[in-house]
Amino acid sequence: EDILLIEFNEFLRERLMECINSQRERQKLIYKIISRGDISENLKKG
């Protein structure tokens, strides 16, 4: 799940770079999304 988290984070980053210019805002949103319980649970399941 740790390795999948990296891939998932990369996916989010690429998507957000298209619509959020601020790096700081992108990082805040990425952290908020990857910290969600449902995201974590699905990554644990692979």
All heavy atoms as atom14 arrays in JSON, in Angstrom:
{
  "sequence": "EDILLIEFNEFLRERLMECINSQRERQKLIYKIISRGDISENLKKG",
  "atom14_mask": [
    [1, 1, 1, 1, 1, 1, 1, 1, 1, 0, 0, 0, 0, 0],
    [1, 1, 1, 1, 1, 1, 1, 1, 0, 0, 0, 0, 0, 0],
    [1, 1, 1, 1, 1, 1, 1, 1, 0, 0, 0, 0, 0, 0],
    [1, 1, 1, 1, 1, 1, 1, 1, 0, 0, 0, 0, 0, 0],
    [1, 1, 1, 1, 1, 1, 1, 1, 0, 0, 0, 0, 0, 0],
    [1, 1, 1, 1, 1, 1, 1, 1, 0, 0, 0, 0, 0, 0],
    [1, 1, 1, 1, 1, 1, 1, 1, 1, 0, 0, 0, 0, 0],
    [1, 1, 1, 1, 1, 1, 1, 1, 1, 1, 1, 0, 0, 0],
    [1, 1, 1, 1, 1, 1, 1, 1, 0, 0, 0, 0, 0, 0],
    [1, 1, 1, 1, 1, 1, 1, 1, 1, 0, 0, 0, 0, 0],
    [1, 1, 1, 1, 1, 1, 1, 1, 1, 1, 1, 0, 0, 0],
    [1, 1, 1, 1, 1, 1, 1, 1, 0, 0, 0, 0, 0, 0],
    [1, 1, 1, 1, 1, 1, 1, 1, 1, 1, 1, 0, 0, 0],
    [1, 1, 1, 1, 1, 1, 1, 1, 1, 0, 0, 0, 0, 0],
    [1, 1, 1, 1, 1, 1, 1, 1, 1, 1, 1, 0, 0, 0],
    [1, 1, 1, 1, 1, 1, 1, 1, 0, 0, 0, 0, 0, 0],
    [1, 1, 1, 1, 1, 1, 1, 1, 0, 0, 0, 0, 0, 0],
    [1, 1, 1, 1, 1, 1, 1, 1, 1, 0, 0, 0, 0, 0],
    [1, 1, 1, 1, 1, 1, 0, 0, 0, 0, 0, 0, 0, 0],
    [1, 1, 1, 1, 1, 1, 1, 1, 0, 0, 0, 0, 0, 0],
    [1, 1, 1, 1, 1, 1, 1, 1, 0, 0, 0, 0, 0, 0],
    [1, 1, 1, 1, 1, 1, 0, 0, 0, 0, 0, 0, 0, 0],
    [1, 1, 1, 1, 1, 1, 1, 1, 1, 0, 0, 0, 0, 0],
    [1, 1, 1, 1, 1, 1, 1, 1, 1, 1, 1, 0, 0, 0],
    [1, 1, 1, 1, 1, 1, 1, 1, 1, 0, 0, 0, 0, 0],
    [1, 1, 1, 1, 1, 1, 1, 1, 1, 1, 1, 0, 0, 0],
    [1, 1, 1, 1, 1, 1, 1, 1, 1, 0, 0, 0, 0, 0],
    [1, 1, 1, 1, 1, 1, 1, 1, 1, 0, 0, 0, 0, 0],
    [1, 1, 1, 1, 1, 1, 1, 1, 0, 0, 0, 0, 0, 0],
    [1, 1, 1, 1, 1, 1, 1, 1, 0, 0, 0, 0, 0, 0],
    [1, 1, 1, 1, 1, 1, 1, 1, 1, 1, 1, 1, 0, 0],
    [1, 1, 1, 1, 1, 1, 1, 1, 1, 0, 0, 0, 0, 0],
    [1, 1, 1, 1, 1, 1, 1, 1, 0, 0, 0, 0, 0, 0],
    [1, 1, 1, 1, 1, 1, 1, 1, 0, 0, 0, 0, 0, 0],
    [1, 1, 1, 1, 1, 1, 0, 0, 0, 0, 0, 0, 0, 0],
    [1, 1, 1, 1, 1, 1, 1, 1, 1, 1, 1, 0, 0, 0],
    [1, 1, 1, 1, 0, 0, 0, 0, 0, 0, 0, 0, 0, 0],
    [1, 1, 1, 1, 1, 1, 1, 1, 0, 0, 0, 0, 0, 0],
    [1, 1, 1, 1, 1, 1, 1, 1, 0, 0, 0, 0, 0, 0],
    [1, 1, 1, 1, 1, 1, 0, 0, 0, 0, 0, 0, 0, 0],
    [1, 1, 1, 1, 1, 1, 1, 1, 1, 0, 0, 0, 0, 0],
    [1, 1, 1, 1, 1, 1, 1, 1, 0, 0, 0, 0, 0, 0],
    [1, 1, 1, 1, 1, 1, 1, 1, 0, 0, 0, 0, 0, 0],
    [1, 1, 1, 1, 1, 1, 1, 1, 1, 0, 0, 0, 0, 0],
    [1, 1, 1, 1, 1, 1, 1, 1, 1, 0, 0, 0, 0, 0],
    [1, 1, 1, 1, 0, 0, 0, 0, 0, 0, 0, 0, 0, 0]
  ],
  "atom14_positions": [
    [[0.83, -1.21, 0.0], [0.0, 0.0, 0.0], [0.87, 1.27, 0.0], [0.46, 2.31, -0.54], [-0.92, 0.02, 1.22], [-0.19, 0.15, 2.54], [-1.12, -0.04, 3.72], [-1.7, 0.97, 4.16], [-1.25, -1.19, 4.18], [0.0, 0.0, 0.0], [0.0, 0.0, 0.0], [0.0, 0.0, 0.0], [0.0, 0.0, 0.0], [0.0, 0.0, 0.0]],
    [[2.07, 1.19, 0.58], [2.98, 2.35, 0.58], [3.44, 2.66, -0.84], [3.56, 3.82, -1.22], [4.18, 2.08, 1.49], [3.78, 1.84, 2.93], [2.96, 2.63, 3.45], [4.25, 0.86, 3.53], [0.0, 0.0, 0.0], [0.0, 0.0, 0.0], [0.0, 0.0, 0.0], [0.0, 0.0, 0.0], [0.0, 0.0, 0.0], [0.0, 0.0, 0.0]],
    [[3.73, 1.61, -1.61], [4.16, 1.79, -3.0], [3.0, 2.31, -3.84], [3.17, 3.21, -4.67], [4.69, 0.47, -3.58], [5.81, -0.1, -2.68], [5.19, 0.67, -5.0], [6.96, 0.85, -2.41], [0.0, 0.0, 0.0], [0.0, 0.0, 0.0], [0.0, 0.0, 0.0], [0.0, 0.0, 0.0], [0.0, 0.0, 0.0], [0.0, 0.0, 0.0]],
    [[1.79, 1.79, -3.61], [0.61, 2.26, -4.33], [0.31, 3.72, -3.97], [-0.19, 4.48, -4.82], [-0.6, 1.39, -4.01], [-0.58, -0.03, -4.58], [-1.81, -0.8, -4.12], [-0.51, 0.0, -6.11], [0.0, 0.0, 0.0], [0.0, 0.0, 0.0], [0.0, 0.0, 0.0], [0.0, 0.0, 0.0], [0.0, 0.0, 0.0], [0.0, 0.0, 0.0]],
    [[0.6, 4.1, -2.74], [0.37, 5.48, -2.32], [1.21, 6.45, -3.16], [0.75, 7.54, -3.52], [0.71, 5.64, -0.84], [0.55, 7.05, -0.25], [-0.88, 7.53, -0.38], [0.99, 7.06, 1.21], [0.0, 0.0, 0.0], [0.0, 0.0, 0.0], [0.0, 0.0, 0.0], [0.0, 0.0, 0.0], [0.0, 0.0, 0.0], [0.0, 0.0, 0.0]],
    [[2.43, 6.05, -3.48], [3.3, 6.89, -4.32], [2.68, 7.06, -5.71], [2.6, 8.17, -6.24], [4.7, 6.27, -4.44], [5.38, 6.23, -3.07], [5.56, 7.05, -5.44], [6.66, 5.41, -3.05], [0.0, 0.0, 0.0], [0.0, 0.0, 0.0], [0.0, 0.0, 0.0], [0.0, 0.0, 0.0], [0.0, 0.0, 0.0], [0.0, 0.0, 0.0]],
    [[2.22, 5.95, -6.28], [1.59, 6.0, -7.61], [0.32, 6.85, -7.57], [0.06, 7.65, -8.49], [1.27, 4.57, -8.06], [0.73, 4.48, -9.47], [0.45, 3.05, -9.9], [1.01, 2.12, -9.28], [-0.36, 2.88, -10.84], [0.0, 0.0, 0.0], [0.0, 0.0, 0.0], [0.0, 0.0, 0.0], [0.0, 0.0, 0.0], [0.0, 0.0, 0.0]],
    [[-0.46, 6.7, -6.51], [-1.7, 7.47, -6.36], [-1.4, 8.96, -6.2], [-2.07, 9.81, -6.81], [-2.49, 6.94, -5.16], [-3.78, 7.65, -4.92], [-4.86, 7.46, -5.77], [-3.92, 8.5, -3.84], [-6.06, 8.13, -5.55], [-5.12, 9.16, -3.61], [-6.19, 8.97, -4.47], [0.0, 0.0, 0.0], [0.0, 0.0, 0.0], [0.0, 0.0, 0.0]],
    [[-0.42, 9.27, -5.41], [0.0, 10.67, -5.2], [0.43, 11.29, -6.53], [0.08, 12.44, -6.84], [1.15, 10.7, -4.18], [1.49, 12.11, -3.73], [1.28, 13.08, -4.42], [2.07, 12.19, -2.55], [0.0, 0.0, 0.0], [0.0, 0.0, 0.0], [0.0, 0.0, 0.0], [0.0, 0.0, 0.0], [0.0, 0.0, 0.0], [0.0, 0.0, 0.0]],
    [[1.19, 10.54, -7.32], [1.65, 11.03, -8.62], [0.46, 11.32, -9.54], [0.44, 12.33, -10.25], [2.59, 10.0, -9.26], [3.25, 10.47, -10.52], [4.24, 9.44, -11.06], [4.1, 8.24, -10.72], [5.13, 9.83, -11.82], [0.0, 0.0, 0.0], [0.0, 0.0, 0.0], [0.0, 0.0, 0.0], [0.0, 0.0, 0.0], [0.0, 0.0, 0.0]],
    [[-0.51, 10.41, -9.52], [-1.74, 10.59, -10.31], [-2.44, 11.89, -9.92], [-2.84, 12.7, -10.77], [-2.65, 9.38, -10.08], [-4.09, 9.61, -10.44], [-4.5, 9.57, -11.77], [-5.04, 9.83, -9.45], [-5.83, 9.76, -12.11], [-6.38, 10.03, -9.78], [-6.78, 10.0, -11.12], [0.0, 0.0, 0.0], [0.0, 0.0, 0.0], [0.0, 0.0, 0.0]],
    [[-2.62, 12.11, -8.61], [-3.27, 13.32, -8.12], [-2.49, 14.57, -8.52], [-3.07, 15.57, -8.96], [-3.38, 13.28, -6.59], [-4.56, 12.54, -5.97], [-4.44, 12.6, -4.46], [-5.87, 13.14, -6.43], [0.0, 0.0, 0.0], [0.0, 0.0, 0.0], [0.0, 0.0, 0.0], [0.0, 0.0, 0.0], [0.0, 0.0, 0.0], [0.0, 0.0, 0.0]],
    [[-1.2, 14.51, -8.35], [-0.35, 15.68, -8.65], [-0.49, 16.09, -10.11], [-0.61, 17.28, -10.42], [1.1, 15.35, -8.3], [2.07, 16.49, -8.51], [3.44, 16.11, -7.96], [4.42, 17.15, -8.21], [5.19, 17.2, -9.3], [5.08, 16.25, -10.23], [6.06, 18.18, -9.47], [0.0, 0.0, 0.0], [0.0, 0.0, 0.0], [0.0, 0.0, 0.0]],
    [[-0.47, 15.12, -11.01], [-0.59, 15.42, -12.44], [-1.94, 16.06, -12.75], [-2.03, 17.0, -13.54], [-0.4, 14.14, -13.25], [1.04, 13.63, -13.25], [1.18, 12.3, -13.97], [0.14, 11.72, -14.38], [2.33, 11.82, -14.1], [0.0, 0.0, 0.0], [0.0, 0.0, 0.0], [0.0, 0.0, 0.0], [0.0, 0.0, 0.0], [0.0, 0.0, 0.0]],
    [[-3.0, 15.54, -12.14], [-4.34, 16.09, -12.36], [-4.44, 17.53, -11.83], [-4.98, 18.42, -12.5], [-5.4, 15.23, -11.69], [-5.65, 13.87, -12.36], [-6.2, 14.05, -13.77], [-6.57, 12.8, -14.38], [-7.8, 12.31, -14.42], [-8.79, 12.97, -13.84], [-8.05, 11.17, -15.02], [0.0, 0.0, 0.0], [0.0, 0.0, 0.0], [0.0, 0.0, 0.0]],
    [[-3.91, 17.73, -10.63], [-4.07, 19.04, -9.99], [-3.2, 20.12, -10.62], [-3.54, 21.31, -10.57], [-3.76, 18.93, -8.49], [-4.79, 18.15, -7.68], [-4.32, 17.97, -6.24], [-6.13, 18.84, -7.72], [0.0, 0.0, 0.0], [0.0, 0.0, 0.0], [0.0, 0.0, 0.0], [0.0, 0.0, 0.0], [0.0, 0.0, 0.0], [0.0, 0.0, 0.0]],
    [[-2.1, 19.73, -11.24], [-1.24, 20.72, -11.89], [-1.96, 21.38, -13.07], [-1.59, 22.48, -13.48], [0.05, 20.05, -12.38], [1.04, 19.76, -11.26], [2.56, 18.98, -11.83], [3.35, 20.38, -12.65], [0.0, 0.0, 0.0], [0.0, 0.0, 0.0], [0.0, 0.0, 0.0], [0.0, 0.0, 0.0], [0.0, 0.0, 0.0], [0.0, 0.0, 0.0]],
    [[-3.01, 20.72, -13.58], [-3.76, 21.27, -14.71], [-4.77, 22.34, -14.28], [-5.23, 23.11, -15.13], [-4.49, 20.15, -15.43], [-3.56, 19.11, -16.05], [-4.32, 17.93, -16.64], [-5.57, 17.97, -16.61], [-3.67, 16.99, -17.12], [0.0, 0.0, 0.0], [0.0, 0.0, 0.0], [0.0, 0.0, 0.0], [0.0, 0.0, 0.0], [0.0, 0.0, 0.0]],
    [[-5.08, 22.39, -13.01], [-6.14, 23.33, -12.6], [-5.83, 24.17, -11.36], [-6.58, 25.09, -11.05], [-7.45, 22.57, -12.39], [-7.33, 21.24, -11.18], [0.0, 0.0, 0.0], [0.0, 0.0, 0.0], [0.0, 0.0, 0.0], [0.0, 0.0, 0.0], [0.0, 0.0, 0.0], [0.0, 0.0, 0.0], [0.0, 0.0, 0.0], [0.0, 0.0, 0.0]],
    [[-4.74, 23.85, -10.66], [-4.35, 24.65, -9.49], [-2.91, 25.1, -9.67], [-1.99, 24.28, -9.71], [-4.5, 23.86, -8.17], [-5.95, 23.44, -7.97], [-4.01, 24.69, -6.99], [-6.19, 22.62, -6.72], [0.0, 0.0, 0.0], [0.0, 0.0, 0.0], [0.0, 0.0, 0.0], [0.0, 0.0, 0.0], [0.0, 0.0, 0.0], [0.0, 0.0, 0.0]],
    [[-2.71, 26.38, -9.79], [-1.37, 26.91, -10.06], [-0.47, 26.92, -8.83], [0.74, 26.75, -8.93], [-1.46, 28.33, -10.64], [-2.07, 28.35, -12.03], [-1.87, 27.42, -12.81], [-2.84, 29.41, -12.33], [0.0, 0.0, 0.0], [0.0, 0.0, 0.0], [0.0, 0.0, 0.0], [0.0, 0.0, 0.0], [0.0, 0.0, 0.0], [0.0, 0.0, 0.0]],
    [[-1.07, 27.14, -7.69], [-0.29, 27.26, -6.46], [0.2, 25.9, -5.98], [-0.62, 25.0, -5.7], [-1.14, 27.92, -5.37], [-0.51, 27.79, -4.11], [0.0, 0.0, 0.0], [0.0, 0.0, 0.0], [0.0, 0.0, 0.0], [0.0, 0.0, 0.0], [0.0, 0.0, 0.0], [0.0, 0.0, 0.0], [0.0, 0.0, 0.0], [0.0, 0.0, 0.0]],
    [[1.5, 25.74, -5.86], [2.06, 24.48, -5.37], [1.61, 24.22, -3.94], [1.29, 23.08, -3.58], [3.58, 24.5, -5.44], [4.22, 23.2, -4.96], [5.74, 23.25, -5.02], [6.33, 24.28, -5.3], [6.37, 22.12, -4.73], [0.0, 0.0, 0.0], [0.0, 0.0, 0.0], [0.0, 0.0, 0.0], [0.0, 0.0, 0.0], [0.0, 0.0, 0.0]],
    [[1.58, 25.27, -3.15], [1.17, 25.12, -1.75], [-0.26, 24.6, -1.66], [-0.55, 23.7, -0.86], [1.29, 26.45, -1.03], [0.97, 26.37, 0.46], [1.19, 27.71, 1.12], [0.87, 27.65, 2.54], [0.93, 28.68, 3.36], [1.33, 29.85, 2.91], [0.63, 28.54, 4.63], [0.0, 0.0, 0.0], [0.0, 0.0, 0.0], [0.0, 0.0, 0.0]],
    [[-1.16, 25.15, -2.48], [-2.55, 24.7, -2.46], [-2.69, 23.27, -2.97], [-3.49, 22.49, -2.46], [-3.42, 25.65, -3.29], [-3.59, 27.04, -2.67], [-4.17, 26.98, -1.27], [-5.17, 26.25, -1.07], [-3.63, 27.64, -0.37], [0.0, 0.0, 0.0], [0.0, 0.0, 0.0], [0.0, 0.0, 0.0], [0.0, 0.0, 0.0], [0.0, 0.0, 0.0]],
    [[-1.9, 22.93, -4.0], [-1.93, 21.55, -4.51], [-1.5, 20.57, -3.43], [-2.14, 19.53, -3.23], [-0.99, 21.41, -5.73], [-1.5, 22.03, -6.99], [-0.76, 21.45, -8.21], [0.68, 21.6, -8.15], [1.35, 22.63, -8.63], [0.7, 23.63, -9.21], [2.67, 22.68, -8.55], [0.0, 0.0, 0.0], [0.0, 0.0, 0.0], [0.0, 0.0, 0.0]],
    [[-0.44, 20.9, -2.73], [0.07, 20.0, -1.69], [-0.94, 19.82, -0.56], [-1.12, 18.71, -0.04], [1.4, 20.54, -1.13], [2.56, 20.51, -2.11], [3.09, 19.11, -2.36], [2.36, 18.13, -2.27], [4.35, 18.99, -2.71], [0.0, 0.0, 0.0], [0.0, 0.0, 0.0], [0.0, 0.0, 0.0], [0.0, 0.0, 0.0], [0.0, 0.0, 0.0]],
    [[-1.6, 20.91, -0.19], [-2.62, 20.83, 0.88], [-3.76, 19.91, 0.47], [-4.22, 19.07, 1.25], [-3.16, 22.23, 1.19], [-2.22, 23.09, 2.01], [-2.71, 24.52, 2.11], [-4.05, 24.62, 2.8], [-4.49, 26.05, 2.94], [0.0, 0.0, 0.0], [0.0, 0.0, 0.0], [0.0, 0.0, 0.0], [0.0, 0.0, 0.0], [0.0, 0.0, 0.0]],
    [[-4.2, 20.04, -0.8], [-5.31, 19.22, -1.26], [-4.89, 17.76, -1.43], [-5.65, 16.84, -1.07], [-5.85, 19.77, -2.59], [-7.07, 19.06, -3.18], [-8.21, 18.99, -2.15], [-7.53, 19.75, -4.45], [0.0, 0.0, 0.0], [0.0, 0.0, 0.0], [0.0, 0.0, 0.0], [0.0, 0.0, 0.0], [0.0, 0.0, 0.0], [0.0, 0.0, 0.0]],
    [[-3.7, 17.53, -1.95], [-3.19, 16.16, -2.08], [-3.15, 15.48, -0.72], [-3.6, 14.34, -0.57], [-1.79, 16.14, -2.75], [-1.91, 16.49, -4.24], [-1.13, 14.77, -2.59], [-0.57, 16.71, -4.93], [0.0, 0.0, 0.0], [0.0, 0.0, 0.0], [0.0, 0.0, 0.0], [0.0, 0.0, 0.0], [0.0, 0.0, 0.0], [0.0, 0.0, 0.0]],
    [[-2.59, 16.18, 0.26], [-2.49, 15.59, 1.6], [-3.88, 15.28, 2.17], [-4.1, 14.23, 2.79], [-1.73, 16.52, 2.54], [-1.45, 15.9, 3.88], [-0.39, 15.0, 4.04], [-2.26, 16.18, 4.98], [-0.15, 14.4, 5.27], [-2.03, 15.58, 6.21], [-0.96, 14.69, 6.34], [-0.74, 14.09, 7.56], [0.0, 0.0, 0.0], [0.0, 0.0, 0.0]],
    [[-4.82, 16.19, 1.93], [-6.18, 15.98, 2.43], [-6.81, 14.75, 1.8], [-7.45, 13.94, 2.49], [-7.03, 17.22, 2.12], [-8.44, 17.15, 2.67], [-9.2, 18.44, 2.37], [-10.63, 18.38, 2.92], [-11.36, 19.64, 2.64], [0.0, 0.0, 0.0], [0.0, 0.0, 0.0], [0.0, 0.0, 0.0], [0.0, 0.0, 0.0], [0.0, 0.0, 0.0]],
    [[-6.58, 14.56, 0.49], [-7.19, 13.42, -0.21], [-6.53, 12.1, 0.19], [-7.2, 11.11, 0.48], [-7.12, 13.62, -1.74], [-8.02, 14.79, -2.15], [-7.54, 12.34, -2.47], [-7.9, 15.18, -3.62], [0.0, 0.0, 0.0], [0.0, 0.0, 0.0], [0.0, 0.0, 0.0], [0.0, 0.0, 0.0], [0.0, 0.0, 0.0], [0.0, 0.0, 0.0]],
    [[-5.18, 12.07, 0.21], [-4.51, 10.8, 0.51], [-4.68, 10.39, 1.96], [-4.44, 9.23, 2.32], [-3.0, 10.82, 0.13], [-2.22, 11.79, 1.03], [-2.8, 11.15, -1.33], [-0.72, 11.76, 0.78], [0.0, 0.0, 0.0], [0.0, 0.0, 0.0], [0.0, 0.0, 0.0], [0.0, 0.0, 0.0], [0.0, 0.0, 0.0], [0.0, 0.0, 0.0]],
    [[-5.11, 11.34, 2.81], [-5.33, 11.03, 4.23], [-6.73, 10.48, 4.5], [-7.02, 10.05, 5.62], [-5.11, 12.29, 5.09], [-3.8, 12.78, 4.94], [0.0, 0.0, 0.0], [0.0, 0.0, 0.0], [0.0, 0.0, 0.0], [0.0, 0.0, 0.0], [0.0, 0.0, 0.0], [0.0, 0.0, 0.0], [0.0, 0.0, 0.0], [0.0, 0.0, 0.0]],
    [[-7.59, 10.49, 3.49], [-8.96, 10.0, 3.67], [-8.97, 8.5, 3.98], [-8.2, 7.72, 3.43], [-9.78, 10.25, 2.41], [-10.17, 11.71, 2.19], [-10.83, 11.87, 0.83], [-11.99, 11.01, 0.69], [-13.24, 11.43, 0.54], [-13.51, 12.73, 0.56], [-14.23, 10.58, 0.37], [0.0, 0.0, 0.0], [0.0, 0.0, 0.0], [0.0, 0.0, 0.0]],
    [[-9.91, 8.11, 4.85], [-10.01, 6.71, 5.23], [-10.36, 5.79, 4.08], [-9.83, 4.68, 3.97], [0.0, 0.0, 0.0], [0.0, 0.0, 0.0], [0.0, 0.0, 0.0], [0.0, 0.0, 0.0], [0.0, 0.0, 0.0], [0.0, 0.0, 0.0], [0.0, 0.0, 0.0], [0.0, 0.0, 0.0], [0.0, 0.0, 0.0], [0.0, 0.0, 0.0]],
    [[-11.28, 6.25, 3.19], [-11.69, 5.38, 2.08], [-10.55, 5.19, 1.08], [-10.4, 4.1, 0.49], [-12.95, 5.92, 1.39], [-12.84, 7.39, 0.99], [-11.82, 8.02, 1.32], [-13.79, 7.9, 0.36], [0.0, 0.0, 0.0], [0.0, 0.0, 0.0], [0.0, 0.0, 0.0], [0.0, 0.0, 0.0], [0.0, 0.0, 0.0], [0.0, 0.0, 0.0]],
    [[-9.73, 6.21, 0.89], [-8.57, 6.08, 0.01], [-7.58, 5.09, 0.61], [-7.1, 4.16, -0.06], [-7.87, 7.44, -0.2], [-8.79, 8.43, -0.92], [-6.55, 7.26, -0.95], [-9.11, 8.06, -2.34], [0.0, 0.0, 0.0], [0.0, 0.0, 0.0], [0.0, 0.0, 0.0], [0.0, 0.0, 0.0], [0.0, 0.0, 0.0], [0.0, 0.0, 0.0]],
    [[-7.29, 5.27, 1.89], [-6.35, 4.38, 2.58], [-6.83, 2.93, 2.55], [-6.04, 2.0, 2.31], [-6.18, 4.85, 4.03], [-5.32, 3.99, 4.74], [0.0, 0.0, 0.0], [0.0, 0.0, 0.0], [0.0, 0.0, 0.0], [0.0, 0.0, 0.0], [0.0, 0.0, 0.0], [0.0, 0.0, 0.0], [0.0, 0.0, 0.0], [0.0, 0.0, 0.0]],
    [[-8.11, 2.74, 2.76], [-8.67, 1.39, 2.8], [-8.53, 0.7, 1.44], [-8.17, -0.48, 1.37], [-10.15, 1.44, 3.21], [-10.76, 0.09, 3.48], [-10.1, -0.65, 4.63], [-9.64, 0.01, 5.58], [-10.05, -1.9, 4.56], [0.0, 0.0, 0.0], [0.0, 0.0, 0.0], [0.0, 0.0, 0.0], [0.0, 0.0, 0.0], [0.0, 0.0, 0.0]],
    [[-8.79, 1.42, 0.37], [-8.68, 0.82, -0.96], [-7.23, 0.54, -1.34], [-6.95, -0.47, -2.0], [-9.35, 1.71, -2.0], [-10.86, 1.54, -2.01], [-11.37, 0.51, -2.45], [-11.57, 2.53, -1.5], [0.0, 0.0, 0.0], [0.0, 0.0, 0.0], [0.0, 0.0, 0.0], [0.0, 0.0, 0.0], [0.0, 0.0, 0.0], [0.0, 0.0, 0.0]],
    [[-6.32, 1.39, -0.92], [-4.91, 1.12, -1.19], [-4.43, -0.09, -0.4], [-3.62, -0.88, -0.9], [-4.06, 2.36, -0.86], [-4.28, 3.58, -1.76], [-3.4, 4.74, -1.31], [-4.0, 3.24, -3.22], [0.0, 0.0, 0.0], [0.0, 0.0, 0.0], [0.0, 0.0, 0.0], [0.0, 0.0, 0.0], [0.0, 0.0, 0.0], [0.0, 0.0, 0.0]],
    [[-4.92, -0.25, 0.81], [-4.59, -1.44, 1.59], [-5.06, -2.71, 0.89], [-4.41, -3.76, 0.94], [-5.23, -1.37, 2.99], [-4.52, -0.44, 3.95], [-5.19, -0.45, 5.31], [-4.49, 0.5, 6.27], [-5.16, 0.52, 7.6], [0.0, 0.0, 0.0], [0.0, 0.0, 0.0], [0.0, 0.0, 0.0], [0.0, 0.0, 0.0], [0.0, 0.0, 0.0]],
    [[-6.21, -2.62, 0.22], [-6.75, -3.77, -0.52], [-6.03, -3.97, -1.85], [-6.27, -4.96, -2.54], [-8.23, -3.56, -0.78], [-9.11, -3.56, 0.46], [-10.55, -3.24, 0.07], [-11.45, -3.19, 1.29], [-12.85, -2.82, 0.91], [0.0, 0.0, 0.0], [0.0, 0.0, 0.0], [0.0, 0.0, 0.0], [0.0, 0.0, 0.0], [0.0, 0.0, 0.0]],
    [[-5.2, -2.99, -2.23], [-4.51, -3.07, -3.52], [-5.36, -2.57, -4.67], [-5.01, -2.75, -5.84], [0.0, 0.0, 0.0], [0.0, 0.0, 0.0], [0.0, 0.0, 0.0], [0.0, 0.0, 0.0], [0.0, 0.0, 0.0], [0.0, 0.0, 0.0], [0.0, 0.0, 0.0], [0.0, 0.0, 0.0], [0.0, 0.0, 0.0], [0.0, 0.0, 0.0]]
  ]
}
